[in-house]
C-alpha atoms as a PDB file:
ATOM      1  CA  UNK A   1     252.858 228.035  63.878  1.00  0.00           C
ATOM      2  CA  UNK A   2     250.500 225.114  64.386  1.00  0.00           C
ATOM      3  CA  UNK A   3     251.897 221.624  64.089  1.00  0.00           C
ATOM      4  CA  UNK A   4     249.884 218.613  62.969  1.00  0.00           C
ATOM      5  CA  UNK A   5     249.422 215.934  65.570  1.00  0.00           C
ATOM      6  CA  UNK A   6     251.357 212.801  64.833  1.00  0.00           C
ATOM      7  CA  UNK A   7     249.316 209.689  64.039  1.00  0.00           C
ATOM      8  CA  UNK A   8     250.065 206.990  66.497  1.00  0.00           C
ATOM      9  CA  UNK A   9     249.190 203.305  66.246  1.00  0.00           C
ATOM     10  CA  UNK A  10     249.524 200.913  69.071  1.00  0.00           C
ATOM     11  CA  UNK A  11     250.942 197.460  68.414  1.00  0.00           C
ATOM     12  CA  UNK A  12     247.544 195.989  69.231  1.00  0.00           C
ATOM     13  CA  UNK A  13     245.843 198.135  66.552  1.00  0.00           C
ATOM     14  CA  UNK A  14     248.444 197.128  63.994  1.00  0.00           C
ATOM     15  CA  UNK A  15     247.963 193.450  64.786  1.00  0.00           C
ATOM     16  CA  UNK A  16     244.181 193.860  64.564  1.00  0.00           C
ATOM     17  CA  UNK A  17     244.344 195.520  61.138  1.00  0.00           C
ATOM     18  CA  UNK A  18     246.763 192.871  59.898  1.00  0.00           C
ATOM     19  CA  UNK A  19     244.463 190.110  61.136  1.00  0.00           C
ATOM     20  CA  UNK A  20     241.425 191.665  59.440  1.00  0.00           C
ATOM     21  CA  UNK A  21     243.275 191.980  56.138  1.00  0.00           C
ATOM     22  CA  UNK A  22     244.511 188.391  56.399  1.00  0.00           C
ATOM     23  CA  UNK A  23     240.999 187.079  57.140  1.00  0.00           C
ATOM     24  CA  UNK A  24     239.514 189.076  54.255  1.00  0.00           C
ATOM     25  CA  UNK A  25     242.130 187.827  51.796  1.00  0.00           C
ATOM     26  CA  UNK A  26     241.735 184.247  53.066  1.00  0.00           C
ATOM     27  CA  UNK A  27     237.933 184.436  52.696  1.00  0.00           C
ATOM     28  CA  UNK A  28     238.242 185.812  49.162  1.00  0.00           C
ATOM     29  CA  UNK A  29     240.706 183.087  48.171  1.00  0.00           C
ATOM     30  CA  UNK A  30     238.482 180.366  49.702  1.00  0.00           C
ATOM     31  CA  UNK A  31     235.455 181.732  47.844  1.00  0.00           C
ATOM     32  CA  UNK A  32     237.330 181.704  44.554  1.00  0.00           C
ATOM     33  CA  UNK A  33     238.556 178.148  45.154  1.00  0.00           C
ATOM     34  CA  UNK A  34     235.010 177.041  46.017  1.00  0.00           C
ATOM     35  CA  UNK A  35     233.624 178.601  42.837  1.00  0.00           C
ATOM     36  CA  UNK A  36     236.345 176.980  40.756  1.00  0.00           C
ATOM     37  CA  UNK A  37     235.636 173.632  42.434  1.00  0.00           C
ATOM     38  CA  UNK A  38     231.905 173.977  41.719  1.00  0.00           C
ATOM     39  CA  UNK A  39     232.629 174.733  38.052  1.00  0.00           C
ATOM     40  CA  UNK A  40     234.947 171.732  37.770  1.00  0.00           C
ATOM     41  CA  UNK A  41     232.438 169.513  39.604  1.00  0.00           C
ATOM     42  CA  UNK A  42     229.613 170.637  37.306  1.00  0.00           C
ATOM     43  CA  UNK A  43     231.743 169.958  34.247  1.00  0.00           C
ATOM     44  CA  UNK A  44     232.688 166.525  35.588  1.00  0.00           C
ATOM     45  CA  UNK A  45     229.028 165.691  36.237  1.00  0.00           C
ATOM     46  CA  UNK A  46     228.197 166.654  32.663  1.00  0.00           C
ATOM     47  CA  UNK A  47     231.010 164.421  31.383  1.00  0.00           C
ATOM     48  CA  UNK A  48     229.805 161.506  33.539  1.00  0.00           C
ATOM     49  CA  UNK A  49     226.209 162.054  32.407  1.00  0.00           C
ATOM     50  CA  UNK A  50     227.320 162.078  28.766  1.00  0.00           C
ATOM     51  CA  UNK A  51     229.304 158.856  29.188  1.00  0.00           C
ATOM     52  CA  UNK A  52     226.357 157.189  30.936  1.00  0.00           C
ATOM     53  CA  UNK A  53     224.029 158.333  28.147  1.00  0.00           C
ATOM     54  CA  UNK A  54     226.382 156.776  25.585  1.00  0.00           C
ATOM     55  CA  UNK A  55     226.290 153.522  27.604  1.00  0.00           C
ATOM     56  CA  UNK A  56     222.484 153.842  28.082  1.00  0.00           C
ATOM     57  CA  UNK A  57     222.920 153.940  31.855  1.00  0.00           C
ATOM     58  CA  UNK A  58     220.847 156.004  34.268  1.00  0.00           C
ATOM     59  CA  UNK A  59     222.603 158.967  35.915  1.00  0.00           C
ATOM     60  CA  UNK A  60     221.429 159.891  39.427  1.00  0.00           C
ATOM     61  CA  UNK A  61     223.237 163.134  40.222  1.00  0.00           C
ATOM     62  CA  UNK A  62     220.360 164.560  42.284  1.00  0.00           C
ATOM     63  CA  UNK A  63     218.621 161.873  44.409  1.00  0.00           C
ATOM     64  CA  UNK A  64     215.870 164.321  45.381  1.00  0.00           C
ATOM     65  CA  UNK A  65     214.515 164.385  41.781  1.00  0.00           C
ATOM     66  CA  UNK A  66     212.970 161.741  39.534  1.00  0.00           C
ATOM     67  CA  UNK A  67     215.542 160.569  36.968  1.00  0.00           C
ATOM     68  CA  UNK A  68     214.499 158.643  33.842  1.00  0.00           C
ATOM     69  CA  UNK A  69     216.359 157.072  30.929  1.00  0.00           C
ATOM     70  CA  UNK A  70     214.626 155.215  28.102  1.00  0.00           C
ATOM     71  CA  UNK A  71     215.729 151.696  27.214  1.00  0.00           C
ATOM     72  CA  UNK A  72     215.038 149.528  24.192  1.00  0.00           C
ATOM     73  CA  UNK A  73     216.487 146.407  22.604  1.00  0.00           C
ATOM     74  CA  UNK A  74     217.404 147.999  19.302  1.00  0.00           C
ATOM     75  CA  UNK A  75     217.411 151.368  17.623  1.00  0.00           C
ATOM     76  CA  UNK A  76     214.682 150.135  15.262  1.00  0.00           C
ATOM     77  CA  UNK A  77     212.213 150.628  18.108  1.00  0.00           C
ATOM     78  CA  UNK A  78     212.762 154.392  18.062  1.00  0.00           C
ATOM     79  CA  UNK A  79     210.289 156.304  15.954  1.00  0.00           C
ATOM     80  CA  UNK A  80     210.035 160.064  15.779  1.00  0.00           C
ATOM     81  CA  UNK A  81     206.798 161.970  15.236  1.00  0.00           C
ATOM     82  CA  UNK A  82     207.441 161.632  11.496  1.00  0.00           C
ATOM     83  CA  UNK A  83     208.010 157.867  11.714  1.00  0.00           C
ATOM     84  CA  UNK A  84     205.996 155.268   9.810  1.00  0.00           C
ATOM     85  CA  UNK A  85     205.450 152.491  12.362  1.00  0.00           C
ATOM     86  CA  UNK A  86     204.030 152.678  15.904  1.00  0.00           C
ATOM     87  CA  UNK A  87     206.310 151.741  18.803  1.00  0.00           C
ATOM     88  CA  UNK A  88     205.330 148.282  20.074  1.00  0.00           C
ATOM     89  CA  UNK A  89     207.985 147.977  22.797  1.00  0.00           C
ATOM     90  CA  UNK A  90     209.465 150.532  25.155  1.00  0.00           C
ATOM     91  CA  UNK A  91     211.120 150.621  28.556  1.00  0.00           C
ATOM     92  CA  UNK A  92     212.597 152.949  31.157  1.00  0.00           C
ATOM     93  CA  UNK A  93     215.009 152.796  34.066  1.00  0.00           C
ATOM     94  CA  UNK A  94     213.669 155.143  36.737  1.00  0.00           C
ATOM     95  CA  UNK A  95     215.037 156.601  39.970  1.00  0.00           C
ATOM     96  CA  UNK A  96     212.242 157.585  42.366  1.00  0.00           C
ATOM     97  CA  UNK A  97     213.042 159.660  45.468  1.00  0.00           C
ATOM     98  CA  UNK A  98     211.809 158.208  48.735  1.00  0.00           C
ATOM     99  CA  UNK A  99     212.619 155.435  51.140  1.00  0.00           C
ATOM    100  CA  UNK A 100     213.161 151.943  49.654  1.00  0.00           C
ATOM    101  CA  UNK A 101     210.580 149.345  50.686  1.00  0.00           C
ATOM    102  CA  UNK A 102     208.279 151.816  52.498  1.00  0.00           C
ATOM    103  CA  UNK A 103     205.334 150.570  54.525  1.00  0.00           C
ATOM    104  CA  UNK A 104     203.061 152.264  51.990  1.00  0.00           C
ATOM    105  CA  UNK A 105     204.338 152.704  48.403  1.00  0.00           C
ATOM    106  CA  UNK A 106     205.186 156.305  47.540  1.00  0.00           C
ATOM    107  CA  UNK A 107     204.518 155.982  43.800  1.00  0.00           C
ATOM    108  CA  UNK A 108     201.859 154.688  41.425  1.00  0.00           C
ATOM    109  CA  UNK A 109     202.146 153.691  37.767  1.00  0.00           C
ATOM    110  CA  UNK A 110     199.246 154.628  35.475  1.00  0.00           C
ATOM    111  CA  UNK A 111     198.480 153.660  31.900  1.00  0.00           C
ATOM    112  CA  UNK A 112     195.654 154.297  29.469  1.00  0.00           C
ATOM    113  CA  UNK A 113     194.997 152.592  26.124  1.00  0.00           C
ATOM    114  CA  UNK A 114     192.240 154.469  24.384  1.00  0.00           C
ATOM    115  CA  UNK A 115     191.581 158.094  23.473  1.00  0.00           C
ATOM    116  CA  UNK A 116     194.758 160.032  24.338  1.00  0.00           C
ATOM    117  CA  UNK A 117     194.637 163.845  24.466  1.00  0.00           C
ATOM    118  CA  UNK A 118     197.376 166.026  23.002  1.00  0.00           C
ATOM    119  CA  UNK A 119     197.874 167.592  26.442  1.00  0.00           C
ATOM    120  CA  UNK A 120     196.766 166.649  29.920  1.00  0.00           C
ATOM    121  CA  UNK A 121     195.536 163.191  30.813  1.00  0.00           C
ATOM    122  CA  UNK A 122     192.898 160.737  29.539  1.00  0.00           C
ATOM    123  CA  UNK A 123     189.412 160.944  30.957  1.00  0.00           C
ATOM    124  CA  UNK A 124     188.906 157.171  31.128  1.00  0.00           C
ATOM    125  CA  UNK A 125     190.354 153.742  30.255  1.00  0.00           C
ATOM    126  CA  UNK A 126     192.917 154.231  33.037  1.00  0.00           C
ATOM    127  CA  UNK A 127     194.561 151.424  35.043  1.00  0.00           C
ATOM    128  CA  UNK A 128     197.049 151.782  37.878  1.00  0.00           C
ATOM    129  CA  UNK A 129     199.328 149.845  40.226  1.00  0.00           C
ATOM    130  CA  UNK A 130     201.429 150.673  43.272  1.00  0.00           C
ATOM    131  CA  UNK A 131     205.162 150.307  42.680  1.00  0.00           C
ATOM    132  CA  UNK A 132     208.098 149.760  45.025  1.00  0.00           C
ATOM    133  CA  UNK A 133     211.733 150.536  44.318  1.00  0.00           C
ATOM    134  CA  UNK A 134     214.749 148.560  45.475  1.00  0.00           C
ATOM    135  CA  UNK A 135     217.489 149.609  47.857  1.00  0.00           C
ATOM    136  CA  UNK A 136     218.926 151.856  45.147  1.00  0.00           C
ATOM    137  CA  UNK A 137     215.518 153.591  44.718  1.00  0.00           C
ATOM    138  CA  UNK A 138     215.400 152.420  41.097  1.00  0.00           C
ATOM    139  CA  UNK A 139     212.878 150.396  39.111  1.00  0.00           C
ATOM    140  CA  UNK A 140     212.643 149.133  35.543  1.00  0.00           C
ATOM    141  CA  UNK A 141     209.337 149.799  33.768  1.00  0.00           C
ATOM    142  CA  UNK A 142     208.405 148.506  30.310  1.00  0.00           C
ATOM    143  CA  UNK A 143     205.471 147.983  27.984  1.00  0.00           C
ATOM    144  CA  UNK A 144     205.178 145.500  25.130  1.00  0.00           C
ATOM    145  CA  UNK A 145     202.253 145.080  22.745  1.00  0.00           C
ATOM    146  CA  UNK A 146     201.654 141.616  21.292  1.00  0.00           C
ATOM    147  CA  UNK A 147     198.925 139.895  19.331  1.00  0.00           C
ATOM    148  CA  UNK A 148     197.341 140.166  15.926  1.00  0.00           C
ATOM    149  CA  UNK A 149     194.130 140.918  14.026  1.00  0.00           C
ATOM    150  CA  UNK A 150     192.713 137.449  14.663  1.00  0.00           C
ATOM    151  CA  UNK A 151     194.001 136.656  18.160  1.00  0.00           C
ATOM    152  CA  UNK A 152     193.452 140.144  19.573  1.00  0.00           C
ATOM    153  CA  UNK A 153     195.964 142.518  21.134  1.00  0.00           C
ATOM    154  CA  UNK A 154     197.322 142.827  24.650  1.00  0.00           C
ATOM    155  CA  UNK A 155     199.819 144.989  26.519  1.00  0.00           C
ATOM    156  CA  UNK A 156     202.274 143.555  29.046  1.00  0.00           C
ATOM    157  CA  UNK A 157     203.161 146.213  31.620  1.00  0.00           C
ATOM    158  CA  UNK A 158     206.237 145.226  33.648  1.00  0.00           C
ATOM    159  CA  UNK A 159     207.393 147.101  36.754  1.00  0.00           C
ATOM    160  CA  UNK A 160     210.311 145.704  38.730  1.00  0.00           C
ATOM    161  CA  UNK A 161     209.714 141.984  39.245  1.00  0.00           C
ATOM    162  CA  UNK A 162     205.964 142.301  38.697  1.00  0.00           C
ATOM    163  CA  UNK A 163     203.811 142.677  35.614  1.00  0.00           C
ATOM    164  CA  UNK A 164     200.217 143.163  34.499  1.00  0.00           C
ATOM    165  CA  UNK A 165     198.556 141.884  31.325  1.00  0.00           C
ATOM    166  CA  UNK A 166     196.137 144.385  29.819  1.00  0.00           C
ATOM    167  CA  UNK A 167     193.712 143.037  27.201  1.00  0.00           C
ATOM    168  CA  UNK A 168     193.063 145.781  24.670  1.00  0.00           C
ATOM    169  CA  UNK A 169     189.494 146.436  23.622  1.00  0.00           C
ATOM    170  CA  UNK A 170     189.182 145.840  19.877  1.00  0.00           C
ATOM    171  CA  UNK A 171     187.724 149.344  19.502  1.00  0.00           C
ATOM    172  CA  UNK A 172     191.086 150.782  20.644  1.00  0.00           C
ATOM    173  CA  UNK A 173     193.467 148.501  18.756  1.00  0.00           C
ATOM    174  CA  UNK A 174     193.248 149.981  15.253  1.00  0.00           C
ATOM    175  CA  UNK A 175     196.560 151.827  15.693  1.00  0.00           C
ATOM    176  CA  UNK A 176     198.313 148.463  16.179  1.00  0.00           C
ATOM    177  CA  UNK A 177     197.051 147.202  12.815  1.00  0.00           C
ATOM    178  CA  UNK A 178     198.217 149.997  10.527  1.00  0.00           C
ATOM    179  CA  UNK A 179     201.433 151.432   9.137  1.00  0.00           C
ATOM    180  CA  UNK A 180     200.979 155.151   9.612  1.00  0.00           C
ATOM    181  CA  UNK A 181     202.812 157.995  11.353  1.00  0.00           C
ATOM    182  CA  UNK A 182     202.475 158.391  15.101  1.00  0.00           C
ATOM    183  CA  UNK A 183     202.952 161.386  17.367  1.00  0.00           C
ATOM    184  CA  UNK A 184     205.413 160.243  20.036  1.00  0.00           C
ATOM    185  CA  UNK A 185     206.674 161.801  23.262  1.00  0.00           C
ATOM    186  CA  UNK A 186     208.932 159.615  25.378  1.00  0.00           C
ATOM    187  CA  UNK A 187     210.792 160.450  28.598  1.00  0.00           C
ATOM    188  CA  UNK A 188     214.493 159.741  28.847  1.00  0.00           C
ATOM    189  CA  UNK A 189     215.484 160.514  25.294  1.00  0.00           C
ATOM    190  CA  UNK A 190     216.736 163.494  23.306  1.00  0.00           C
ATOM    191  CA  UNK A 191     216.083 164.311  19.656  1.00  0.00           C
ATOM    192  CA  UNK A 192     219.220 164.212  17.512  1.00  0.00           C
ATOM    193  CA  UNK A 193     218.386 165.234  13.982  1.00  0.00           C
ATOM    194  CA  UNK A 194     215.950 162.727  12.540  1.00  0.00           C
ATOM    195  CA  UNK A 195     216.874 160.023  15.056  1.00  0.00           C
ATOM    196  CA  UNK A 196     216.496 159.730  18.814  1.00  0.00           C
ATOM    197  CA  UNK A 197     219.102 158.905  21.442  1.00  0.00           C
ATOM    198  CA  UNK A 198     218.621 157.959  25.076  1.00  0.00           C
ATOM    199  CA  UNK A 199     219.593 160.437  27.779  1.00  0.00           C
ATOM    200  CA  UNK A 200     218.861 160.742  31.484  1.00  0.00           C
ATOM    201  CA  UNK A 201     216.069 163.253  32.018  1.00  0.00           C
ATOM    202  CA  UNK A 202     215.348 164.904  35.372  1.00  0.00           C
ATOM    203  CA  UNK A 203     211.885 165.747  36.732  1.00  0.00           C
ATOM    204  CA  UNK A 204     210.559 167.484  39.835  1.00  0.00           C
ATOM    205  CA  UNK A 205     209.096 164.837  42.174  1.00  0.00           C
ATOM    206  CA  UNK A 206     205.748 166.652  42.429  1.00  0.00           C
ATOM    207  CA  UNK A 207     204.798 165.020  39.118  1.00  0.00           C
ATOM    208  CA  UNK A 208     202.949 163.653  37.277  1.00  0.00           C
ATOM    209  CA  UNK A 209     205.811 162.333  35.113  1.00  0.00           C
ATOM    210  CA  UNK A 210     204.749 161.254  31.626  1.00  0.00           C
ATOM    211  CA  UNK A 211     206.852 158.320  30.419  1.00  0.00           C
ATOM    212  CA  UNK A 212     205.063 157.794  27.101  1.00  0.00           C
ATOM    213  CA  UNK A 213     202.423 159.615  25.094  1.00  0.00           C
ATOM    214  CA  UNK A 214     201.824 158.049  21.673  1.00  0.00           C
ATOM    215  CA  UNK A 215     198.906 159.156  19.474  1.00  0.00           C
ATOM    216  CA  UNK A 216     197.603 158.558  15.979  1.00  0.00           C
ATOM    217  CA  UNK A 217     198.025 161.449  13.571  1.00  0.00           C
ATOM    218  CA  UNK A 218     195.485 162.873  11.133  1.00  0.00           C
ATOM    219  CA  UNK A 219     195.899 162.954   7.387  1.00  0.00           C
ATOM    220  CA  UNK A 220     195.228 166.112   5.381  1.00  0.00           C
ATOM    221  CA  UNK A 221     195.736 165.306   1.719  1.00  0.00           C
ATOM    222  CA  UNK A 222     199.198 163.749   1.542  1.00  0.00           C
ATOM    223  CA  UNK A 223     200.343 165.304   4.824  1.00  0.00           C
ATOM    224  CA  UNK A 224     200.167 163.799   8.288  1.00  0.00           C
ATOM    225  CA  UNK A 225     199.618 166.303  11.110  1.00  0.00           C
ATOM    226  CA  UNK A 226     199.191 166.126  14.885  1.00  0.00           C
ATOM    227  CA  UNK A 227     195.504 166.042  15.800  1.00  0.00           C
ATOM    228  CA  UNK A 228     194.468 168.557  18.500  1.00  0.00           C
ATOM    229  CA  UNK A 229     191.620 166.246  19.532  1.00  0.00           C
ATOM    230  CA  UNK A 230     192.111 162.975  21.481  1.00  0.00           C
ATOM    231  CA  UNK A 231     193.191 160.098  19.254  1.00  0.00           C
ATOM    232  CA  UNK A 232     193.691 156.371  19.779  1.00  0.00           C
ATOM    233  CA  UNK A 233     196.878 155.019  21.293  1.00  0.00           C
ATOM    234  CA  UNK A 234     198.659 154.713  24.635  1.00  0.00           C
ATOM    235  CA  UNK A 235     199.872 156.836  27.525  1.00  0.00           C
ATOM    236  CA  UNK A 236     201.952 155.829  30.584  1.00  0.00           C
ATOM    237  CA  UNK A 237     202.825 158.045  33.549  1.00  0.00           C
ATOM    238  CA  UNK A 238     203.911 158.127  37.208  1.00  0.00           C
ATOM    239  CA  UNK A 239     202.347 159.922  40.155  1.00  0.00           C
ATOM    240  CA  UNK A 240     203.098 160.187  43.843  1.00  0.00           C
ATOM    241  CA  UNK A 241     200.617 158.362  46.035  1.00  0.00           C
ATOM    242  CA  UNK A 242     198.068 160.817  47.360  1.00  0.00           C
ATOM    243  CA  UNK A 243     198.969 163.490  44.787  1.00  0.00           C
ATOM    244  CA  UNK A 244     196.394 166.171  44.065  1.00  0.00           C
ATOM    245  CA  UNK A 245     193.981 165.551  41.219  1.00  0.00           C
ATOM    246  CA  UNK A 246     195.499 166.115  37.752  1.00  0.00           C
END
């Protein structure tokens, strides 16, 4: 009668198997803890972002991306696309990735007051400036329109501690003289029902990053609709220095 050979394990083999099991279990537990930590961290970042949005403060949770939050002095300055008065004052707090105080500025601020397309960028009436950020890689940008039918209209573009005064050609100032709906897209805000609330918005640094696109609407009977053709108003955006043509 044949007998089965007895299985034999050396002490070294037993220790090796035990070590492998222990390492596998330890790795699995560490992976689970890491995943749980990432979930908790993500939830905490969302809570912090929400609190900052409520306080109208910029959240920079990814320094490698452009972060933007809109700012304004009062809620009366917010107008949705179905609003009745054009926005005359707007501002943004912006985080721009890159070294602070570089030898050559990494970013440029562009604005156009004239014929603004529904998509893309204006063909002309464009001005631009180089902008520098501070040690925290942040900069405040704002635009304010002032004037009147008799004195003429101008736009004050402020960026950090600097500003430019842009005199608006009378041919492109009609939208400042009328009470009519405007089509408005503004970075750093989120629609909430019929109103708008500020919120940090994140953008890829490749750009361009449109801060404001405001356009006159067309009237069909008693209804105001977005015009697919370029219409008068204003557009403001950011681009990296040396970026490819839009």
